[in-house]
C-alpha atoms as a PDB file:
ATOM      1  CA  MET A   1     -21.499 336.797  78.228  1.00  0.00           C
ATOM      2  CA  GLY A   2     -18.972 334.272  79.715  1.00  0.00           C
ATOM      3  CA  TRP A   3     -15.548 334.594  81.084  1.00  0.00           C
ATOM      4  CA  PRO A   4     -12.891 336.239  78.982  1.00  0.00           C
ATOM      5  CA  PRO A   5     -10.456 333.889  77.283  1.00  0.00           C
ATOM      6  CA  GLY A   6      -7.570 333.041  79.563  1.00  0.00           C
ATOM      7  CA  ARG A   7      -9.474 333.377  82.862  1.00  0.00           C
ATOM      8  CA  THR A   8      -9.636 329.624  83.431  1.00  0.00           C
ATOM      9  CA  TYR A   9      -6.005 329.249  82.353  1.00  0.00           C
ATOM     10  CA  LEU A  10      -4.911 331.916  84.836  1.00  0.00           C
ATOM     11  CA  ALA A  11      -6.926 330.370  87.665  1.00  0.00           C
ATOM     12  CA  GLY A  12      -5.159 327.059  87.044  1.00  0.00           C
ATOM     13  CA  LYS A  13      -1.760 328.729  86.743  1.00  0.00           C
ATOM     14  CA  PHE A  14      -2.242 330.615  90.017  1.00  0.00           C
ATOM     15  CA  ALA A  15      -3.550 327.510  91.827  1.00  0.00           C
ATOM     16  CA  GLU A  16      -0.554 325.506  90.611  1.00  0.00           C
ATOM     17  CA  GLU A  17       1.826 328.164  91.917  1.00  0.00           C
ATOM     18  CA  ALA A  18       0.036 328.428  95.273  1.00  0.00           C
ATOM     19  CA  ALA A  19       0.250 324.643  95.711  1.00  0.00           C
ATOM     20  CA  LYS A  20       4.054 324.683  95.569  1.00  0.00           C
ATOM     21  CA  SER A  21       5.785 324.148  98.872  1.00  0.00           C
ATOM     22  CA  PRO A  22       7.282 327.432 100.097  1.00  0.00           C
ATOM     23  CA  GLY A  23      10.284 325.717 101.679  1.00  0.00           C
ATOM     24  CA  THR A  24      11.229 323.915  98.466  1.00  0.00           C
ATOM     25  CA  TYR A  25      10.767 326.650  95.860  1.00  0.00           C
ATOM     26  CA  TYR A  26      11.129 329.908  97.791  1.00  0.00           C
ATOM     27  CA  ARG A  27      13.035 331.565 100.587  1.00  0.00           C
ATOM     28  CA  ALA A  28      11.025 333.583 103.051  1.00  0.00           C
ATOM     29  CA  ASP A  29      12.082 337.087 103.991  1.00  0.00           C
ATOM     30  CA  GLU A  30      12.652 338.311 107.563  1.00  0.00           C
ATOM     31  CA  GLN A  31       8.902 338.507 108.243  1.00  0.00           C
ATOM     32  CA  GLY A  32       8.261 335.035 106.809  1.00  0.00           C
ATOM     33  CA  ARG A  33       6.620 336.353 103.626  1.00  0.00           C
ATOM     34  CA  ILE A  34       7.135 334.675 100.263  1.00  0.00           C
ATOM     35  CA  LEU A  35       7.139 336.396  96.879  1.00  0.00           C
ATOM     36  CA  ARG A  36       5.535 333.997  94.414  1.00  0.00           C
ATOM     37  CA  ARG A  37       6.119 334.568  90.698  1.00  0.00           C
ATOM     38  CA  VAL A  38       4.480 333.343  87.495  1.00  0.00           C
ATOM     39  CA  GLY A  39       4.958 334.104  83.832  1.00  0.00           C
ATOM     40  CA  VAL A  40       2.085 334.208  81.353  1.00  0.00           C
ATOM     41  CA  ARG A  41       3.030 333.830  77.710  1.00  0.00           C
ATOM     42  CA  THR A  42       1.501 336.173  75.166  1.00  0.00           C
ATOM     43  CA  TRP A  43      -0.501 333.539  73.308  1.00  0.00           C
ATOM     44  CA  HIS A  44      -2.562 332.945  76.472  1.00  0.00           C
ATOM     45  CA  PHE A  45      -3.927 336.489  76.420  1.00  0.00           C
ATOM     46  CA  ARG A  46      -4.269 337.314  72.735  1.00  0.00           C
ATOM     47  CA  GLY A  47      -8.063 337.338  72.911  1.00  0.00           C
ATOM     48  CA  VAL A  48      -8.341 339.470  76.044  1.00  0.00           C
ATOM     49  CA  GLY A  49      -5.152 341.527  75.912  1.00  0.00           C
ATOM     50  CA  ALA A  50      -2.548 342.199  78.560  1.00  0.00           C
ATOM     51  CA  HIS A  51      -4.875 344.594  80.395  1.00  0.00           C
ATOM     52  CA  GLY A  52      -7.459 341.832  80.694  1.00  0.00           C
ATOM     53  CA  VAL A  53      -4.846 339.481  82.129  1.00  0.00           C
ATOM     54  CA  LEU A  54      -3.798 342.139  84.647  1.00  0.00           C
ATOM     55  CA  ARG A  55      -7.435 342.690  85.645  1.00  0.00           C
ATOM     56  CA  VAL A  56      -8.022 338.971  86.206  1.00  0.00           C
ATOM     57  CA  ALA A  57      -4.701 338.659  88.053  1.00  0.00           C
ATOM     58  CA  ALA A  58      -5.535 341.621  90.318  1.00  0.00           C
ATOM     59  CA  GLU A  59      -8.824 339.953  91.249  1.00  0.00           C
ATOM     60  CA  GLN A  60      -6.769 337.079  92.650  1.00  0.00           C
ATOM     61  CA  GLY A  61      -4.120 339.195  94.377  1.00  0.00           C
ATOM     62  CA  TRP A  62      -1.412 339.168  91.693  1.00  0.00           C
ATOM     63  CA  ARG A  63       0.302 342.245  90.248  1.00  0.00           C
ATOM     64  CA  LEU A  64       2.866 343.118  87.618  1.00  0.00           C
ATOM     65  CA  ASP A  65       6.376 342.018  88.634  1.00  0.00           C
ATOM     66  CA  HIS A  66       8.609 345.037  88.138  1.00  0.00           C
ATOM     67  CA  SER A  67      11.753 342.910  88.466  1.00  0.00           C
ATOM     68  CA  TYR A  68      11.366 342.056  84.791  1.00  0.00           C
ATOM     69  CA  PRO A  69      11.534 344.658  82.020  1.00  0.00           C
ATOM     70  CA  ALA A  70       8.276 345.277  80.182  1.00  0.00           C
ATOM     71  CA  ASP A  71       8.383 343.835  76.688  1.00  0.00           C
ATOM     72  CA  PRO A  72       5.178 343.477  74.639  1.00  0.00           C
ATOM     73  CA  GLY A  73       6.547 340.523  72.693  1.00  0.00           C
ATOM     74  CA  ARG A  74       7.489 338.457  75.731  1.00  0.00           C
ATOM     75  CA  ALA A  75       5.777 336.819  78.690  1.00  0.00           C
ATOM     76  CA  LEU A  76       3.936 338.924  81.231  1.00  0.00           C
ATOM     77  CA  HIS A  77       5.525 338.412  84.662  1.00  0.00           C
ATOM     78  CA  LEU A  78       3.277 338.541  87.721  1.00  0.00           C
ATOM     79  CA  CYS A  79       4.014 338.266  91.431  1.00  0.00           C
ATOM     80  CA  ARG A  80       2.159 337.982  94.733  1.00  0.00           C
ATOM     81  CA  LEU A  81       3.482 338.495  98.245  1.00  0.00           C
ATOM     82  CA  ASP A  82       2.097 335.757 100.484  1.00  0.00           C
ATOM     83  CA  ALA A  83       1.839 336.113 104.230  1.00  0.00           C
ATOM     84  CA  PRO A  84       3.683 333.576 106.365  1.00  0.00           C
ATOM     85  CA  ALA A  85       1.956 330.279 107.004  1.00  0.00           C
ATOM     86  CA  PRO A  86       0.444 329.929 110.474  1.00  0.00           C
ATOM     87  CA  GLY A  87       3.033 328.505 112.849  1.00  0.00           C
ATOM     88  CA  ALA A  88       5.917 329.168 110.471  1.00  0.00           C
ATOM     89  CA  PRO A  89       9.120 330.295 112.166  1.00  0.00           C
ATOM     90  CA  VAL A  90      10.024 333.942 111.702  1.00  0.00           C
ATOM     91  CA  ARG A  91      13.681 334.880 111.197  1.00  0.00           C
ATOM     92  CA  ARG A  92      14.859 337.792 113.313  1.00  0.00           C
END
């Protein structure tokens, strides 16, 4: 059977987000963690459905971002909390 539609798109989207420099795009919290966020537009998951996108995202450590209201007609917002980079300073 092959991968569901959107799986390769999501892998690229997540890799692009992970490649961003944390210091440029994000502010770390007190423990040095970074909350990364991505939005997936509805036309990217028409064939597999939002549940399929959430399943694929969960396999890669992403979850639904509850900071955004759920709206079936809009983009699906996902987030992932990344641990601090090794050797990164921790704010106290």
